[in-house]
Amino acid sequence: MMRIEYENKFTDPDFIAVYVSQLHAHVIPNRAFSSEAQKEEFPALVQDKITASRTK
């Protein structure tokens, strides 16, 4: 499992969970991704969006 400070992201064999607080997460099932490459690119996309939102 991988952790990003504050915006935590956990991977599991069945899903990715992106935590928006200590108790709340968005759960994305692996079936939402059309390929393994897309699933592997998702964490960087999330981090980029978080970084961009903080610079506005």
C-alpha atoms as a PDB file:
ATOM      1  CA  MET A   1       0.000   0.000   0.000  1.00  0.00           C
ATOM      2  CA  MET A   2       1.157   3.507  -0.813  1.00  0.00           C
ATOM      3  CA  ARG A   3       0.443   6.543   1.312  1.00  0.00           C
ATOM      4  CA  ILE A   4       0.278  10.207   0.247  1.00  0.00           C
ATOM      5  CA  GLU A   5       0.248  12.680   3.154  1.00  0.00           C
ATOM      6  CA  TYR A   6      -3.217  14.051   3.972  1.00  0.00           C
ATOM      7  CA  GLU A   7      -4.673  12.800   0.710  1.00  0.00           C
ATOM      8  CA  ASN A   8      -3.947   9.170   1.461  1.00  0.00           C
ATOM      9  CA  LYS A   9      -4.187   6.601  -1.268  1.00  0.00           C
ATOM     10  CA  PHE A  10      -4.222   2.914  -0.556  1.00  0.00           C
ATOM     11  CA  THR A  11      -4.127   0.169  -3.104  1.00  0.00           C
ATOM     12  CA  ASP A  12      -5.595  -3.257  -2.585  1.00  0.00           C
ATOM     13  CA  PRO A  13      -5.903  -6.153  -5.019  1.00  0.00           C
ATOM     14  CA  ASP A  14      -9.534  -5.135  -5.619  1.00  0.00           C
ATOM     15  CA  PHE A  15      -9.611  -1.351  -5.280  1.00  0.00           C
ATOM     16  CA  ILE A  16      -7.829   1.966  -4.746  1.00  0.00           C
ATOM     17  CA  ALA A  17      -8.974   4.163  -1.861  1.00  0.00           C
ATOM     18  CA  VAL A  18      -8.202   7.881  -1.924  1.00  0.00           C
ATOM     19  CA  TYR A  19      -8.699   9.330   1.541  1.00  0.00           C
ATOM     20  CA  VAL A  20     -10.021  12.888   1.680  1.00  0.00           C
ATOM     21  CA  SER A  21      -9.933  12.930   5.486  1.00  0.00           C
ATOM     22  CA  GLN A  22      -8.930  10.480   8.197  1.00  0.00           C
ATOM     23  CA  LEU A  23     -12.341   8.826   8.068  1.00  0.00           C
ATOM     24  CA  HIS A  24     -13.624   9.389   4.512  1.00  0.00           C
ATOM     25  CA  ALA A  25     -12.398   7.902   1.268  1.00  0.00           C
ATOM     26  CA  HIS A  26     -13.353   7.551  -2.362  1.00  0.00           C
ATOM     27  CA  VAL A  27     -13.131   3.875  -3.269  1.00  0.00           C
ATOM     28  CA  ILE A  28     -12.378   3.143  -6.913  1.00  0.00           C
ATOM     29  CA  PRO A  29     -12.768  -0.513  -7.897  1.00  0.00           C
ATOM     30  CA  ASN A  30     -10.117  -1.899 -10.215  1.00  0.00           C
ATOM     31  CA  ARG A  31     -12.810  -2.676 -12.780  1.00  0.00           C
ATOM     32  CA  ALA A  32     -13.178   1.107 -13.285  1.00  0.00           C
ATOM     33  CA  PHE A  33      -9.859   1.106 -15.154  1.00  0.00           C
ATOM     34  CA  SER A  34      -9.721  -0.129 -18.723  1.00  0.00           C
ATOM     35  CA  SER A  35      -6.120  -1.334 -18.407  1.00  0.00           C
ATOM     36  CA  GLU A  36      -3.412  -2.058 -15.868  1.00  0.00           C
ATOM     37  CA  ALA A  37      -1.448   0.919 -17.228  1.00  0.00           C
ATOM     38  CA  GLN A  38      -4.383   3.242 -16.577  1.00  0.00           C
ATOM     39  CA  LYS A  39      -4.663   1.922 -13.018  1.00  0.00           C
ATOM     40  CA  GLU A  40      -0.940   2.467 -12.437  1.00  0.00           C
ATOM     41  CA  GLU A  41      -1.111   6.055 -13.787  1.00  0.00           C
ATOM     42  CA  PHE A  42      -4.054   6.987 -11.556  1.00  0.00           C
ATOM     43  CA  PRO A  43      -2.084   7.832  -8.355  1.00  0.00           C
ATOM     44  CA  ALA A  44       0.092  10.364 -10.205  1.00  0.00           C
ATOM     45  CA  LEU A  45      -3.022  11.932 -11.753  1.00  0.00           C
ATOM     46  CA  VAL A  46      -4.616  12.281  -8.316  1.00  0.00           C
ATOM     47  CA  GLN A  47      -1.462  13.844  -6.878  1.00  0.00           C
ATOM     48  CA  ASP A  48      -1.192  16.274  -9.825  1.00  0.00           C
ATOM     49  CA  LYS A  49      -4.811  17.379  -9.331  1.00  0.00           C
ATOM     50  CA  ILE A  50      -4.251  17.896  -5.592  1.00  0.00           C
ATOM     51  CA  THR A  51      -1.116  19.934  -6.227  1.00  0.00           C
ATOM     52  CA  ALA A  52      -2.854  22.041  -8.894  1.00  0.00           C
ATOM     53  CA  SER A  53      -5.824  22.768  -6.634  1.00  0.00           C
ATOM     54  CA  ARG A  54      -3.524  24.065  -3.899  1.00  0.00           C
ATOM     55  CA  THR A  55      -1.806  26.543  -6.213  1.00  0.00           C
ATOM     56  CA  LYS A  56      -5.019  28.332  -7.186  1.00  0.00           C
END
